[in-house]
Amino acid sequence: MNSETIKSRQAITLYTLFMLGTTILVTGNRIAGRDSWIALIVAAIIGLPYVLICARILTLNPGKSLFDIAFIFFKKFGGWVITLVVILYAFALSLLVLRNATEFIQQVALHKTPQLVVSIIIALLSAWALKKGLQVLGRSSVLFLVMILSVTIVTTLLMTNLMDFDSIKPIMGEGIAPVAKSVSRYFSFPIAESFLLLAVFHNLKKGDSQYKSYSIGLLIGTFFLGLITLRNILVLGVPAYVEIYFPSFMAAGAINLITILERIEGIVVVNYTVCIFIKLCICIYVIVQGCSKLSGIDYKKFLFPISLLIIIVSQIAFKSTMELFRSSTYFFYWALPIQLIIPIGVWIVAEIVNRKKKAIG
């Protein structure tokens, strides 16, 4: 087994952590408010066929990444266009991910540390991890997921005495429209972002199921995001939940364990940073794989140059936290068409080609 091959269990954990990513941190939804958890569940139900389509693409083209498939089905010109679009999408997403991380860490922990220093540490650590091979990242993700989910469950249980169940009443009190709008947001971020894993999960061990990796990853990710969202609403109340930039951290900060730990925020900061780290690793991996496909140069040679570029642009692209979150909203409008057109288009062509092969055979 080479350093790029991952097992189904590792793929599931990578998917889950990628889905949690920055979403675990910024669960606040201004549109749906108290009904955000309902919007997330509906988005996941809609997203299940979507991720199964992604799994189908890889199943029909074993051992081939999204970039390989693009060049096979759409020839040189189409392959170049699709690859460049995916690279730009992953690059834009990586900027948001890294800047979310530095904003979060500076605001809640390292107040006097420049964001540039934090971004350098996170991005270069991501590049170093990827240089060791995807398999190492996959193995580490299993441990990370166990830690993150354990802390999430424990902190949620510790918050039960702080929860006010009146905060979610009346359910659907504002009607269907706000929930429907939020469903599209949750579908795009984080569920449809998983199409990037088409450039990762082709490394799945032969015989392991793509469908299992995608569907179970979606199920686990949705359950814990829903749990965190509902918890945040019950603990913080609707006004604070929708207005605070990092509601998950604020909710955890309400815990005060006098006899065990004075404050638990430090553990939570590490938890959320790990989620962001894995998501950034996957974004960088997709970018360098695309660059490798276009240039014919080993992807590892692009790791540090691309990471440095992400560091620089993430620092100059957003002037403030407010601008960062505003940019995330704008990102939705051009990201969603890419998330839909590329995987669905590739899937349709793959099915047509597969049927023609069966007919000839």
Protein backbone atom coordinates (compact mmCIF):
# COMPACT_ATOMS: atom_id res chain seq x y z
CA MET A 1 0.00 0.00 0.00
CA ASN A 2 1.58 3.30 -1.10
CA SER A 3 1.57 6.53 0.91
CA GLU A 4 -1.49 7.83 -0.94
CA THR A 5 -3.82 4.88 -0.40
CA ILE A 6 -6.47 5.26 2.31
CA LYS A 7 -8.94 2.81 3.78
CA SER A 8 -12.69 3.28 3.93
CA ARG A 9 -12.59 4.13 7.64
CA GLN A 10 -10.03 6.85 6.99
CA ALA A 11 -12.07 8.21 4.09
CA ILE A 12 -15.14 8.41 6.35
CA THR A 13 -13.23 10.35 8.99
CA LEU A 14 -11.69 12.68 6.39
CA TYR A 15 -15.15 13.35 4.95
CA THR A 16 -16.62 14.00 8.40
CA LEU A 17 -13.83 16.37 9.46
CA PHE A 18 -13.96 18.14 6.10
CA MET A 19 -17.70 18.63 6.58
CA LEU A 20 -17.28 19.86 10.15
CA GLY A 21 -14.36 22.10 9.12
CA THR A 22 -15.25 25.73 9.66
CA THR A 23 -18.96 24.88 9.89
CA ILE A 24 -18.53 23.55 13.42
CA LEU A 25 -17.26 27.00 14.34
CA VAL A 26 -19.70 29.31 12.54
CA THR A 27 -23.00 27.46 12.91
CA GLY A 28 -25.00 30.67 13.28
CA ASN A 29 -27.68 31.12 10.61
CA ARG A 30 -29.31 34.53 10.42
CA ILE A 31 -31.99 33.40 7.98
CA ALA A 32 -33.51 30.37 9.72
CA GLY A 33 -32.59 31.37 13.28
CA ARG A 34 -34.11 28.92 15.75
CA ASP A 35 -35.01 26.58 12.89
CA SER A 36 -31.42 26.24 11.63
CA TRP A 37 -31.18 22.66 12.84
CA ILE A 38 -34.25 21.75 10.75
CA ALA A 39 -32.70 23.40 7.66
CA LEU A 40 -29.51 21.40 8.19
CA ILE A 41 -31.39 18.09 8.36
CA VAL A 42 -33.39 18.88 5.21
CA ALA A 43 -30.18 19.94 3.41
CA ALA A 44 -28.56 16.63 4.38
CA ILE A 45 -31.54 14.66 3.02
CA ILE A 46 -31.25 16.55 -0.26
CA GLY A 47 -27.49 16.16 -0.13
CA LEU A 48 -27.55 12.37 0.16
CA PRO A 49 -28.30 11.78 -3.56
CA TYR A 50 -25.64 14.38 -4.35
CA VAL A 51 -22.87 12.59 -2.44
CA LEU A 52 -24.01 9.25 -3.88
CA ILE A 53 -23.56 10.77 -7.35
CA CYS A 54 -20.00 11.67 -6.37
CA ALA A 55 -19.45 8.12 -5.15
CA ARG A 56 -20.92 6.77 -8.39
CA ILE A 57 -18.47 8.83 -10.47
CA LEU A 58 -15.50 7.30 -8.68
CA THR A 59 -17.02 3.81 -8.77
CA LEU A 60 -17.43 4.03 -12.54
CA ASN A 61 -13.85 5.27 -12.89
CA PRO A 62 -11.79 3.31 -10.31
CA GLY A 63 -8.40 4.80 -9.51
CA LYS A 64 -9.16 7.99 -11.45
CA SER A 65 -9.36 11.41 -9.82
CA LEU A 66 -11.76 14.17 -10.86
CA PHE A 67 -8.97 15.70 -12.96
CA ASP A 68 -8.18 12.41 -14.71
CA ILE A 69 -11.87 11.87 -15.46
CA ALA A 70 -12.25 15.43 -16.79
CA PHE A 71 -9.47 14.90 -19.34
CA ILE A 72 -10.79 11.46 -20.33
CA PHE A 73 -14.37 12.59 -20.94
CA PHE A 74 -13.93 16.20 -22.03
CA LYS A 75 -10.58 15.92 -23.81
CA LYS A 76 -7.78 18.44 -23.48
CA PHE A 77 -9.69 21.71 -23.65
CA GLY A 78 -12.57 20.60 -21.42
CA GLY A 79 -10.14 18.96 -19.01
CA TRP A 80 -8.14 22.16 -18.69
CA VAL A 81 -11.26 24.27 -18.10
CA ILE A 82 -12.70 21.96 -15.44
CA THR A 83 -9.34 21.57 -13.70
CA LEU A 84 -8.73 25.33 -13.59
CA VAL A 85 -12.24 26.00 -12.26
CA VAL A 86 -11.81 23.38 -9.50
CA ILE A 87 -8.36 24.77 -8.61
CA LEU A 88 -9.75 28.31 -8.33
CA TYR A 89 -12.72 27.08 -6.28
CA ALA A 90 -10.48 25.14 -3.89
CA PHE A 91 -8.12 28.12 -3.62
CA ALA A 92 -10.96 30.52 -2.77
CA LEU A 93 -12.30 28.05 -0.21
CA SER A 94 -8.84 27.65 1.33
CA LEU A 95 -8.63 31.44 1.79
CA LEU A 96 -11.90 31.45 3.72
CA VAL A 97 -10.89 28.42 5.78
CA LEU A 98 -7.47 29.76 6.76
CA ARG A 99 -8.74 33.26 7.52
CA ASN A 100 -11.58 31.84 9.63
CA ALA A 101 -8.95 29.94 11.61
CA THR A 102 -6.72 32.97 12.21
CA GLU A 103 -9.64 35.24 13.10
CA PHE A 104 -10.97 32.68 15.54
CA ILE A 105 -7.64 31.95 17.22
CA GLN A 106 -6.76 35.64 17.55
CA GLN A 107 -10.15 36.61 18.98
CA VAL A 108 -10.45 33.82 21.54
CA ALA A 109 -6.90 32.79 22.44
CA LEU A 110 -3.84 34.56 21.04
CA HIS A 111 -5.09 38.14 21.22
CA LYS A 112 -1.70 39.81 20.74
CA THR A 113 -0.30 37.36 18.18
CA PRO A 114 -0.45 38.65 14.58
CA GLN A 115 -2.74 36.64 12.34
CA LEU A 116 0.09 36.27 9.84
CA VAL A 117 2.08 34.21 12.35
CA VAL A 118 -0.87 31.91 13.04
CA SER A 119 -1.61 31.49 9.32
CA ILE A 120 2.02 30.60 8.58
CA ILE A 121 2.00 27.90 11.27
CA ILE A 122 -1.30 26.34 10.15
CA ALA A 123 -0.66 26.47 6.39
CA LEU A 124 2.92 25.22 6.52
CA LEU A 125 1.92 22.47 8.94
CA SER A 126 -0.74 21.44 6.42
CA ALA A 127 1.86 21.35 3.63
CA TRP A 128 4.22 19.30 5.80
CA ALA A 129 1.46 16.80 6.67
CA LEU A 130 0.55 16.36 2.99
CA LYS A 131 4.21 15.89 2.07
CA LYS A 132 4.17 12.82 4.31
CA GLY A 133 1.39 11.39 2.17
CA LEU A 134 -2.40 11.22 2.24
CA GLN A 135 -2.28 7.95 4.16
CA VAL A 136 -0.65 9.67 7.15
CA LEU A 137 -3.36 12.33 7.13
CA GLY A 138 -6.02 9.62 6.91
CA ARG A 139 -4.62 7.73 9.90
CA SER A 140 -4.34 10.91 11.94
CA SER A 141 -7.91 11.89 11.09
CA VAL A 142 -9.27 8.76 12.80
CA LEU A 143 -7.69 9.85 16.08
CA PHE A 144 -8.73 13.46 15.55
CA LEU A 145 -12.35 12.51 14.94
CA VAL A 146 -12.58 10.38 18.08
CA MET A 147 -11.16 13.28 20.11
CA ILE A 148 -13.43 15.89 18.55
CA LEU A 149 -16.64 13.89 18.82
CA SER A 150 -15.83 12.88 22.42
CA VAL A 151 -15.28 16.50 23.46
CA THR A 152 -18.46 17.55 21.61
CA ILE A 153 -20.56 14.97 23.46
CA VAL A 154 -19.01 15.79 26.84
CA THR A 155 -19.40 19.56 26.46
CA THR A 156 -22.98 19.14 25.28
CA LEU A 157 -23.82 17.02 28.34
CA LEU A 158 -22.20 19.62 30.59
CA MET A 159 -24.41 22.29 29.04
CA THR A 160 -27.73 20.55 29.67
CA ASN A 161 -28.45 22.65 32.77
CA LEU A 162 -27.90 25.81 30.71
CA MET A 163 -30.33 24.88 27.95
CA ASP A 164 -33.62 26.70 27.51
CA PHE A 165 -35.92 24.66 25.28
CA ASP A 166 -38.21 27.63 24.82
CA SER A 167 -35.49 29.02 22.52
CA ILE A 168 -36.58 26.72 19.70
CA LYS A 169 -40.26 27.58 20.07
CA PRO A 170 -42.34 28.09 18.06
CA ILE A 171 -40.90 25.60 15.60
CA MET A 172 -41.26 26.97 12.05
CA GLY A 173 -42.79 30.06 13.61
CA GLU A 174 -41.51 32.27 10.79
CA GLY A 175 -42.92 29.97 8.12
CA ILE A 176 -41.27 27.79 5.51
CA ALA A 177 -39.51 30.53 3.52
CA PRO A 178 -36.58 31.21 5.93
CA VAL A 179 -35.95 27.49 6.34
CA ALA A 180 -36.05 26.94 2.57
CA LYS A 181 -33.48 29.70 2.03
CA SER A 182 -31.25 28.24 4.72
CA VAL A 183 -31.46 24.77 3.18
CA SER A 184 -29.71 26.04 0.05
CA ARG A 185 -26.97 27.61 2.20
CA TYR A 186 -26.42 24.44 4.22
CA PHE A 187 -26.47 22.35 1.05
CA SER A 188 -23.72 24.48 -0.48
CA PHE A 189 -21.79 24.91 2.74
CA PRO A 190 -20.70 22.33 3.77
CA ILE A 191 -22.44 19.42 1.98
CA ALA A 192 -21.81 20.22 -1.70
CA GLU A 193 -18.23 21.20 -0.95
CA SER A 194 -17.63 17.46 -0.77
CA PHE A 195 -17.35 17.30 -4.57
CA LEU A 196 -13.71 18.29 -3.97
CA LEU A 197 -13.22 14.84 -2.48
CA LEU A 198 -13.51 13.50 -6.04
CA ALA A 199 -9.86 14.56 -6.26
CA VAL A 200 -9.03 12.69 -3.04
CA PHE A 201 -11.08 9.51 -2.69
CA HIS A 202 -9.77 7.92 -5.89
CA ASN A 203 -6.98 6.84 -3.52
CA LEU A 204 -9.40 4.57 -1.67
CA LYS A 205 -8.11 1.04 -1.14
CA LYS A 206 -9.23 -1.35 -3.87
CA GLY A 207 -12.41 -3.14 -2.85
CA ASP A 208 -13.53 -0.50 -0.34
CA SER A 209 -16.85 1.19 -1.04
CA GLN A 210 -17.05 4.80 -2.20
CA TYR A 211 -20.76 4.82 -1.32
CA LYS A 212 -19.97 3.82 2.26
CA SER A 213 -17.32 6.52 2.63
CA TYR A 214 -19.55 9.31 1.36
CA SER A 215 -22.86 8.30 2.94
CA ILE A 216 -21.56 7.42 6.42
CA GLY A 217 -19.37 10.53 6.45
CA LEU A 218 -22.42 12.65 5.60
CA LEU A 219 -24.50 10.93 8.28
CA ILE A 220 -21.94 11.42 11.06
CA GLY A 221 -21.18 14.99 10.02
CA THR A 222 -24.86 15.94 9.87
CA PHE A 223 -25.63 14.38 13.24
CA PHE A 224 -22.89 16.26 15.06
CA LEU A 225 -23.44 19.55 13.23
CA GLY A 226 -27.14 19.27 14.05
CA LEU A 227 -26.33 18.50 17.68
CA ILE A 228 -23.96 21.47 17.93
CA THR A 229 -26.41 23.82 16.18
CA LEU A 230 -29.30 22.83 18.43
CA ARG A 231 -27.08 23.04 21.51
CA ASN A 232 -25.90 26.52 20.60
CA ILE A 233 -29.46 27.77 20.12
CA LEU A 234 -30.63 26.29 23.43
CA VAL A 235 -27.67 27.66 25.41
CA LEU A 236 -27.21 31.08 23.81
CA GLY A 237 -30.75 31.91 22.76
CA VAL A 238 -31.73 32.99 19.25
CA PRO A 239 -30.52 36.65 19.31
CA ALA A 240 -27.00 35.73 20.42
CA TYR A 241 -26.88 32.64 18.22
CA VAL A 242 -27.47 34.58 15.01
CA GLU A 243 -25.36 37.64 15.88
CA ILE A 244 -22.18 36.10 17.36
CA TYR A 245 -19.44 35.23 14.88
CA PHE A 246 -18.35 32.06 16.71
CA PRO A 247 -21.40 30.75 18.61
CA SER A 248 -19.96 27.27 19.25
CA PHE A 249 -17.06 28.71 21.21
CA MET A 250 -19.30 31.11 23.12
CA ALA A 251 -21.62 28.28 24.09
CA ALA A 252 -18.70 26.18 25.33
CA GLY A 253 -17.41 29.19 27.25
CA ALA A 254 -20.56 29.11 29.37
CA ILE A 255 -19.27 25.95 31.07
CA ASN A 256 -17.47 26.56 34.32
CA LEU A 257 -16.14 23.42 35.99
CA ILE A 258 -14.85 24.63 39.32
CA THR A 259 -13.88 21.22 40.63
CA ILE A 260 -12.34 19.84 37.42
CA LEU A 261 -11.32 22.64 35.08
CA GLU A 262 -11.79 26.33 35.59
CA ARG A 263 -12.56 26.87 31.93
CA ILE A 264 -12.93 24.41 29.06
CA GLU A 265 -12.45 26.85 26.18
CA GLY A 266 -8.84 25.75 25.62
CA ILE A 267 -9.91 22.20 24.74
CA VAL A 268 -12.60 23.55 22.44
CA VAL A 269 -10.13 25.83 20.64
CA VAL A 270 -7.86 22.84 19.92
CA ASN A 271 -10.87 20.83 18.72
CA TYR A 272 -12.05 23.44 16.25
CA THR A 273 -8.53 24.17 15.03
CA VAL A 274 -8.03 20.49 14.18
CA CYS A 275 -11.24 20.49 12.09
CA ILE A 276 -10.07 23.57 10.21
CA PHE A 277 -6.61 22.03 9.74
CA ILE A 278 -8.03 18.91 8.05
CA LYS A 279 -10.27 20.97 5.77
CA LEU A 280 -7.36 23.19 4.76
CA CYS A 281 -5.23 20.11 4.07
CA ILE A 282 -7.85 18.73 1.71
CA CYS A 283 -8.23 22.08 -0.09
CA ILE A 284 -4.47 22.33 -0.59
CA TYR A 285 -4.30 18.69 -1.71
CA VAL A 286 -6.94 19.33 -4.38
CA ILE A 287 -5.13 22.47 -5.61
CA VAL A 288 -1.74 20.78 -5.92
CA GLN A 289 -3.24 17.68 -7.54
CA GLY A 290 -4.82 19.94 -10.15
CA CYS A 291 -1.53 21.78 -10.71
CA SER A 292 0.22 18.44 -11.04
CA LYS A 293 -2.28 17.27 -13.65
CA LEU A 294 -1.82 20.39 -15.75
CA SER A 295 1.98 20.53 -15.48
CA GLY A 296 3.01 16.90 -15.19
CA ILE A 297 5.11 17.78 -12.13
CA ASP A 298 4.84 15.82 -8.88
CA TYR A 299 2.20 17.44 -6.67
CA LYS A 300 4.51 17.57 -3.64
CA LYS A 301 6.66 20.20 -5.39
CA PHE A 302 3.67 22.56 -5.31
CA LEU A 303 2.81 22.12 -1.63
CA PHE A 304 4.90 24.87 -0.06
CA PRO A 305 4.57 27.46 -2.88
CA ILE A 306 0.77 27.08 -2.89
CA SER A 307 0.63 27.21 0.91
CA LEU A 308 2.66 30.44 0.93
CA LEU A 309 0.36 31.94 -1.71
CA ILE A 310 -2.69 31.05 0.40
CA ILE A 311 -1.07 32.66 3.46
CA ILE A 312 -0.37 35.92 1.61
CA VAL A 313 -3.73 36.24 -0.15
CA SER A 314 -5.75 35.28 2.94
CA GLN A 315 -4.15 38.15 4.82
CA ILE A 316 -4.75 40.83 2.18
CA ALA A 317 -8.13 39.68 0.83
CA PHE A 318 -10.14 40.46 3.99
CA LYS A 319 -9.77 43.67 5.97
CA SER A 320 -11.87 42.58 8.96
CA THR A 321 -13.94 39.79 10.46
CA MET A 322 -17.08 41.45 9.15
CA GLU A 323 -15.68 41.52 5.61
CA LEU A 324 -14.67 37.87 5.93
CA PHE A 325 -18.21 36.79 6.80
CA ARG A 326 -19.67 39.04 4.10
CA SER A 327 -17.34 37.42 1.56
CA SER A 328 -18.52 33.99 2.70
CA THR A 329 -22.06 35.04 1.77
CA TYR A 330 -20.96 36.21 -1.69
CA PHE A 331 -18.97 33.00 -2.13
CA PHE A 332 -22.23 31.03 -2.04
CA TYR A 333 -23.57 32.63 -5.22
CA TRP A 334 -20.73 31.59 -7.50
CA ALA A 335 -19.79 28.42 -5.60
CA LEU A 336 -23.19 26.70 -5.88
CA PRO A 337 -23.23 26.59 -9.72
CA ILE A 338 -19.75 25.03 -9.70
CA GLN A 339 -20.80 22.53 -7.03
CA LEU A 340 -23.78 21.46 -9.13
CA ILE A 341 -22.61 21.70 -12.73
CA ILE A 342 -19.24 19.94 -12.51
CA PRO A 343 -20.12 16.75 -10.57
CA ILE A 344 -23.56 16.31 -12.13
CA GLY A 345 -22.20 17.00 -15.63
CA VAL A 346 -19.35 14.54 -15.14
CA TRP A 347 -21.75 11.93 -13.72
CA ILE A 348 -24.13 12.17 -16.70
CA VAL A 349 -21.27 11.76 -19.18
CA ALA A 350 -19.81 8.89 -17.13
CA GLU A 351 -23.14 7.05 -17.19
CA ILE A 352 -23.48 7.54 -20.93
CA VAL A 353 -19.96 6.27 -21.59
CA ASN A 354 -20.50 3.31 -19.25
CA ARG A 355 -23.71 2.28 -21.04
CA LYS A 356 -22.03 2.55 -24.43
CA LYS A 357 -19.20 0.31 -23.21
CA LYS A 358 -21.73 -2.27 -21.94
CA ALA A 359 -23.62 -2.13 -25.23
CA ILE A 360 -20.42 -2.71 -27.23
CA GLY A 361 -19.22 -5.39 -24.80
